[in-house]
Structure formats: C-alpha cells, structure tokens
Amino acid sequence: MHCVSLTTSLTKRMVIAIDTTRFRSNPDLMTASKEVLDEMRRCPPAPGFSKVEIPGQRENERVERLLAKDGGHMKLPQGIWSDIVDAAKSVGVESPMPRVEFVETCLSKM
C-alpha cells in the first residue's frame, strides 16, 4: 500500500492510500519502479550539476552510510524510540521491535 499525504496552506491534511497490488504484483511494481528511476538517473544533468538525483536519494544515501558505519544499526535517541514503541503498542504491536527493519527493507528494494 502506498500513501500520499498532501498538506494545504490551511494545514489541513488529506491522505490517499492506494492498494497497488490491484494493478501489479509487488515484485513487478518494484522492478518497474527501479527501471523508471534508473532511466531518470541516466538523463543528462542540468548545467552546474554532476548527476540527476531523484526525490529521497540523498536521504537514502545518508541512511546507507550511517548503517554501514554503525554495523547495520540505526542509533535513535531513547525518547524517539520510546515514542515509536508507544505508537506501536497503541495499534497492537508489542516490543521488542527491530529498530531498522523498515529502513533495511526499503533500501534492499531499491
């Protein structure tokens, strides 16, 4: 499921959730997405730039560097981790929870 959150100037939010499996299987969608992103990266960069970047690329590269540097672990302040655990418990997910499972899953699919 992919979600898009739109914020208006009035700070009201609208969230759109799309079940993409109705259109394509998840592996097919990931393959097609990778092909589109690879094609975008092959475009010639604008004058003054060394490469074409896609939204989230810098953040993903930073996460990869941090995970590599810290042995595959993401360091979080205790207060943030406590908030995550509390939010998980509020929807029925009990601790212990793997801290970087979501990040590693996202990176491995790109």
N, C-alpha and C. Protein backbone atom coordinates (compact mmCIF):
# COMPACT_ATOMS: atom_id res chain seq x y z
N MET A 1 0.85 -1.16 0.00
CA MET A 1 0.00 0.00 0.00
C MET A 1 0.90 1.23 0.00
N HIS A 2 0.65 2.15 -0.88
CA HIS A 2 1.40 3.40 -0.95
C HIS A 2 0.49 4.53 -0.50
N CYS A 3 1.03 5.43 0.30
CA CYS A 3 0.25 6.55 0.81
C CYS A 3 0.88 7.86 0.39
N VAL A 4 0.04 8.82 0.11
CA VAL A 4 0.48 10.17 -0.21
C VAL A 4 -0.22 11.11 0.75
N SER A 5 0.54 11.97 1.39
CA SER A 5 -0.04 12.94 2.31
C SER A 5 0.11 14.32 1.69
N LEU A 6 -0.99 15.02 1.54
CA LEU A 6 -0.99 16.35 0.97
C LEU A 6 -1.33 17.36 2.05
N THR A 7 -0.56 18.42 2.15
CA THR A 7 -0.82 19.47 3.14
C THR A 7 -1.16 20.75 2.40
N THR A 8 -2.26 21.37 2.77
CA THR A 8 -2.67 22.62 2.14
C THR A 8 -2.15 23.79 2.96
N SER A 9 -2.32 25.00 2.43
CA SER A 9 -1.88 26.19 3.16
C SER A 9 -2.68 26.39 4.44
N LEU A 10 -3.80 25.73 4.57
CA LEU A 10 -4.62 25.84 5.77
C LEU A 10 -4.25 24.77 6.80
N THR A 11 -3.15 24.05 6.53
CA THR A 11 -2.64 22.98 7.39
C THR A 11 -3.63 21.84 7.60
N LYS A 12 -4.53 21.67 6.68
CA LYS A 12 -5.41 20.50 6.71
C LYS A 12 -4.73 19.42 5.88
N ARG A 13 -4.97 18.20 6.23
CA ARG A 13 -4.31 17.10 5.53
C ARG A 13 -5.31 16.18 4.86
N MET A 14 -4.84 15.62 3.77
CA MET A 14 -5.59 14.58 3.09
C MET A 14 -4.60 13.46 2.80
N VAL A 15 -4.96 12.25 3.12
CA VAL A 15 -4.10 11.10 2.87
C VAL A 15 -4.79 10.22 1.85
N ILE A 16 -4.04 9.84 0.82
CA ILE A 16 -4.56 8.95 -0.21
C ILE A 16 -3.78 7.64 -0.11
N ALA A 17 -4.48 6.54 0.08
CA ALA A 17 -3.86 5.22 0.15
C ALA A 17 -4.28 4.42 -1.08
N ILE A 18 -3.30 3.86 -1.76
CA ILE A 18 -3.58 3.11 -2.99
C ILE A 18 -3.05 1.69 -2.82
N ASP A 19 -3.92 0.72 -3.01
CA ASP A 19 -3.51 -0.69 -2.98
C ASP A 19 -2.95 -1.02 -4.36
N THR A 20 -1.64 -0.88 -4.52
CA THR A 20 -1.01 -1.06 -5.83
C THR A 20 -1.06 -2.50 -6.32
N THR A 21 -1.33 -3.46 -5.42
CA THR A 21 -1.40 -4.86 -5.86
C THR A 21 -2.63 -5.11 -6.74
N ARG A 22 -3.55 -4.17 -6.78
CA ARG A 22 -4.69 -4.30 -7.70
C ARG A 22 -4.27 -4.07 -9.15
N PHE A 23 -3.11 -3.42 -9.32
CA PHE A 23 -2.62 -3.11 -10.66
C PHE A 23 -1.47 -4.02 -11.08
N ARG A 24 -0.60 -4.32 -10.12
CA ARG A 24 0.59 -5.14 -10.38
C ARG A 24 0.98 -5.86 -9.11
N SER A 25 1.64 -6.99 -9.28
CA SER A 25 2.18 -7.66 -8.10
C SER A 25 3.31 -6.81 -7.54
N ASN A 26 3.58 -6.96 -6.26
CA ASN A 26 4.62 -6.14 -5.64
C ASN A 26 5.99 -6.31 -6.31
N PRO A 27 6.43 -7.54 -6.63
CA PRO A 27 7.73 -7.67 -7.31
C PRO A 27 7.74 -6.96 -8.67
N ASP A 28 6.65 -7.06 -9.40
CA ASP A 28 6.58 -6.38 -10.71
C ASP A 28 6.62 -4.87 -10.55
N LEU A 29 5.91 -4.37 -9.53
CA LEU A 29 5.91 -2.93 -9.28
C LEU A 29 7.30 -2.44 -8.90
N MET A 30 8.00 -3.19 -8.05
CA MET A 30 9.35 -2.79 -7.64
C MET A 30 10.30 -2.80 -8.84
N THR A 31 10.17 -3.79 -9.73
CA THR A 31 11.00 -3.85 -10.93
C THR A 31 10.72 -2.66 -11.84
N ALA A 32 9.45 -2.37 -12.07
CA ALA A 32 9.08 -1.25 -12.94
C ALA A 32 9.55 0.07 -12.33
N SER A 33 9.40 0.22 -11.01
CA SER A 33 9.84 1.44 -10.34
C SER A 33 11.34 1.63 -10.49
N LYS A 34 12.09 0.55 -10.31
CA LYS A 34 13.55 0.62 -10.45
C LYS A 34 13.93 1.02 -11.87
N GLU A 35 13.23 0.47 -12.87
CA GLU A 35 13.52 0.82 -14.26
C GLU A 35 13.28 2.31 -14.52
N VAL A 36 12.19 2.85 -13.99
CA VAL A 36 11.89 4.28 -14.18
C VAL A 36 12.96 5.13 -13.51
N LEU A 37 13.31 4.78 -12.29
CA LEU A 37 14.33 5.55 -11.56
C LEU A 37 15.69 5.46 -12.24
N ASP A 38 16.05 4.28 -12.74
CA ASP A 38 17.32 4.13 -13.46
C ASP A 38 17.33 4.99 -14.72
N GLU A 39 16.20 5.04 -15.43
CA GLU A 39 16.10 5.86 -16.63
C GLU A 39 16.26 7.35 -16.28
N MET A 40 15.64 7.77 -15.18
CA MET A 40 15.78 9.16 -14.76
C MET A 40 17.23 9.50 -14.43
N ARG A 41 17.92 8.57 -13.76
CA ARG A 41 19.32 8.82 -13.39
C ARG A 41 20.23 8.89 -14.61
N ARG A 42 19.84 8.24 -15.70
CA ARG A 42 20.66 8.27 -16.92
C ARG A 42 20.49 9.56 -17.71
N CYS A 43 19.53 10.39 -17.36
CA CYS A 43 19.33 11.66 -18.07
C CYS A 43 20.55 12.55 -17.85
N PRO A 44 20.86 13.40 -18.83
CA PRO A 44 21.98 14.32 -18.62
C PRO A 44 21.62 15.33 -17.54
N PRO A 45 22.57 15.63 -16.66
CA PRO A 45 22.28 16.60 -15.59
C PRO A 45 22.18 18.02 -16.12
N ALA A 46 21.47 18.84 -15.38
CA ALA A 46 21.34 20.26 -15.73
C ALA A 46 22.71 20.92 -15.58
N PRO A 47 22.93 22.01 -16.30
CA PRO A 47 24.21 22.72 -16.17
C PRO A 47 24.50 23.06 -14.70
N GLY A 48 25.73 22.79 -14.30
CA GLY A 48 26.14 23.07 -12.93
C GLY A 48 25.95 21.91 -11.97
N PHE A 49 25.39 20.81 -12.45
CA PHE A 49 25.18 19.63 -11.61
C PHE A 49 25.96 18.45 -12.18
N SER A 50 26.41 17.57 -11.30
CA SER A 50 27.21 16.42 -11.75
C SER A 50 26.36 15.20 -12.07
N LYS A 51 25.13 15.15 -11.54
CA LYS A 51 24.27 13.99 -11.79
C LYS A 51 22.82 14.37 -11.56
N VAL A 52 21.93 13.50 -12.04
CA VAL A 52 20.49 13.66 -11.81
C VAL A 52 20.16 12.88 -10.54
N GLU A 53 19.46 13.53 -9.64
CA GLU A 53 19.03 12.88 -8.41
C GLU A 53 17.51 12.76 -8.41
N ILE A 54 17.04 11.76 -7.68
CA ILE A 54 15.60 11.56 -7.56
C ILE A 54 15.18 11.90 -6.14
N PRO A 55 13.91 12.22 -5.91
CA PRO A 55 13.46 12.54 -4.55
C PRO A 55 13.81 11.42 -3.57
N GLY A 56 14.40 11.80 -2.46
CA GLY A 56 14.77 10.84 -1.43
C GLY A 56 16.14 10.22 -1.59
N GLN A 57 16.80 10.46 -2.73
CA GLN A 57 18.09 9.83 -2.99
C GLN A 57 19.15 10.22 -1.95
N ARG A 58 19.25 11.50 -1.65
CA ARG A 58 20.25 11.95 -0.67
C ARG A 58 19.98 11.33 0.70
N GLU A 59 18.72 11.29 1.09
CA GLU A 59 18.36 10.71 2.38
C GLU A 59 18.70 9.22 2.41
N ASN A 60 18.38 8.51 1.32
CA ASN A 60 18.69 7.08 1.26
C ASN A 60 20.19 6.83 1.32
N GLU A 61 20.97 7.66 0.61
CA GLU A 61 22.42 7.52 0.63
C GLU A 61 22.97 7.78 2.03
N ARG A 62 22.40 8.76 2.71
CA ARG A 62 22.83 9.06 4.08
C ARG A 62 22.53 7.88 5.01
N VAL A 63 21.34 7.30 4.88
CA VAL A 63 20.98 6.15 5.71
C VAL A 63 21.93 4.99 5.42
N GLU A 64 22.24 4.75 4.15
CA GLU A 64 23.17 3.66 3.79
C GLU A 64 24.53 3.88 4.44
N ARG A 65 25.03 5.14 4.39
CA ARG A 65 26.33 5.44 5.01
C ARG A 65 26.28 5.21 6.52
N LEU A 66 25.21 5.67 7.16
CA LEU A 66 25.08 5.51 8.61
C LEU A 66 24.99 4.04 9.00
N LEU A 67 24.22 3.27 8.23
CA LEU A 67 24.08 1.84 8.54
C LEU A 67 25.42 1.13 8.35
N ALA A 68 26.15 1.48 7.30
CA ALA A 68 27.45 0.85 7.04
C ALA A 68 28.43 1.22 8.16
N LYS A 69 28.40 2.48 8.58
CA LYS A 69 29.32 2.96 9.61
C LYS A 69 29.02 2.34 10.97
N ASP A 70 27.76 2.13 11.27
CA ASP A 70 27.35 1.64 12.58
C ASP A 70 27.01 0.16 12.60
N GLY A 71 27.58 -0.59 11.68
CA GLY A 71 27.40 -2.04 11.67
C GLY A 71 25.98 -2.48 11.39
N GLY A 72 25.23 -1.70 10.61
CA GLY A 72 23.87 -2.08 10.25
C GLY A 72 22.83 -1.69 11.28
N HIS A 73 23.21 -0.87 12.26
CA HIS A 73 22.27 -0.44 13.29
C HIS A 73 22.02 1.06 13.16
N MET A 74 20.82 1.44 13.43
CA MET A 74 20.46 2.86 13.42
C MET A 74 20.36 3.33 14.86
N LYS A 75 21.07 4.41 15.18
CA LYS A 75 21.03 4.95 16.53
C LYS A 75 19.91 5.97 16.63
N LEU A 76 19.07 5.79 17.64
CA LEU A 76 17.96 6.71 17.89
C LEU A 76 18.04 7.18 19.34
N PRO A 77 17.70 8.44 19.57
CA PRO A 77 17.60 8.87 20.96
C PRO A 77 16.51 8.07 21.67
N GLN A 78 16.71 7.79 22.95
CA GLN A 78 15.77 6.96 23.71
C GLN A 78 14.35 7.51 23.66
N GLY A 79 14.21 8.84 23.72
CA GLY A 79 12.87 9.44 23.70
C GLY A 79 12.12 9.13 22.41
N ILE A 80 12.83 9.19 21.28
CA ILE A 80 12.19 8.87 20.00
C ILE A 80 11.83 7.40 19.95
N TRP A 81 12.76 6.53 20.41
CA TRP A 81 12.46 5.10 20.40
C TRP A 81 11.26 4.79 21.29
N SER A 82 11.18 5.44 22.43
CA SER A 82 10.03 5.23 23.33
C SER A 82 8.73 5.65 22.65
N ASP A 83 8.76 6.76 21.91
CA ASP A 83 7.57 7.21 21.18
C ASP A 83 7.16 6.18 20.13
N ILE A 84 8.14 5.60 19.45
CA ILE A 84 7.86 4.59 18.42
C ILE A 84 7.23 3.35 19.06
N VAL A 85 7.82 2.90 20.17
CA VAL A 85 7.30 1.72 20.86
C VAL A 85 5.88 1.99 21.37
N ASP A 86 5.64 3.17 21.94
CA ASP A 86 4.30 3.51 22.43
C ASP A 86 3.28 3.54 21.29
N ALA A 87 3.69 4.13 20.15
CA ALA A 87 2.79 4.17 18.99
C ALA A 87 2.48 2.76 18.50
N ALA A 88 3.49 1.90 18.48
CA ALA A 88 3.29 0.52 18.04
C ALA A 88 2.33 -0.21 18.98
N LYS A 89 2.55 -0.04 20.27
CA LYS A 89 1.67 -0.70 21.25
C LYS A 89 0.23 -0.23 21.10
N SER A 90 0.05 1.04 20.74
CA SER A 90 -1.31 1.57 20.61
C SER A 90 -2.09 0.92 19.48
N VAL A 91 -1.38 0.28 18.54
CA VAL A 91 -2.06 -0.42 17.44
C VAL A 91 -1.85 -1.93 17.53
N GLY A 92 -1.42 -2.40 18.71
CA GLY A 92 -1.37 -3.84 18.95
C GLY A 92 -0.05 -4.51 18.63
N VAL A 93 1.01 -3.76 18.34
CA VAL A 93 2.33 -4.35 18.10
C VAL A 93 3.12 -4.27 19.39
N GLU A 94 3.59 -5.40 19.87
CA GLU A 94 4.32 -5.43 21.14
C GLU A 94 5.82 -5.42 20.91
N SER A 95 6.56 -4.87 21.86
CA SER A 95 8.02 -4.88 21.86
C SER A 95 8.48 -6.30 22.16
N PRO A 96 9.66 -6.69 21.84
CA PRO A 96 10.68 -5.88 21.18
C PRO A 96 10.44 -5.80 19.67
N MET A 97 10.74 -4.65 19.13
CA MET A 97 10.60 -4.42 17.69
C MET A 97 11.99 -4.18 17.11
N PRO A 98 12.27 -4.73 15.92
CA PRO A 98 13.56 -4.44 15.30
C PRO A 98 13.63 -2.97 14.91
N ARG A 99 14.69 -2.30 15.26
CA ARG A 99 14.78 -0.86 15.06
C ARG A 99 14.95 -0.45 13.61
N VAL A 100 15.65 -1.22 12.80
CA VAL A 100 15.94 -0.77 11.44
C VAL A 100 15.32 -1.65 10.37
N GLU A 101 14.38 -2.50 10.73
CA GLU A 101 13.80 -3.40 9.75
C GLU A 101 13.20 -2.63 8.58
N PHE A 102 12.45 -1.56 8.83
CA PHE A 102 11.82 -0.81 7.76
C PHE A 102 12.86 -0.16 6.86
N VAL A 103 13.87 0.45 7.44
CA VAL A 103 14.91 1.10 6.65
C VAL A 103 15.64 0.08 5.79
N GLU A 104 16.04 -1.05 6.37
CA GLU A 104 16.76 -2.07 5.61
C GLU A 104 15.88 -2.63 4.50
N THR A 105 14.60 -2.83 4.77
CA THR A 105 13.69 -3.36 3.75
C THR A 105 13.59 -2.38 2.59
N CYS A 106 13.42 -1.11 2.88
CA CYS A 106 13.31 -0.11 1.82
C CYS A 106 14.59 -0.05 0.99
N LEU A 107 15.73 -0.05 1.63
CA LEU A 107 16.98 0.05 0.91
C LEU A 107 17.23 -1.18 0.05
N SER A 108 16.85 -2.35 0.54
CA SER A 108 17.13 -3.56 -0.22
C SER A 108 16.26 -3.67 -1.47
N LYS A 109 15.18 -2.91 -1.53
CA LYS A 109 14.29 -2.99 -2.69
C LYS A 109 14.64 -1.97 -3.77
N MET A 110 15.56 -1.07 -3.49
CA MET A 110 15.90 -0.04 -4.47
C MET A 110 17.08 -0.46 -5.31
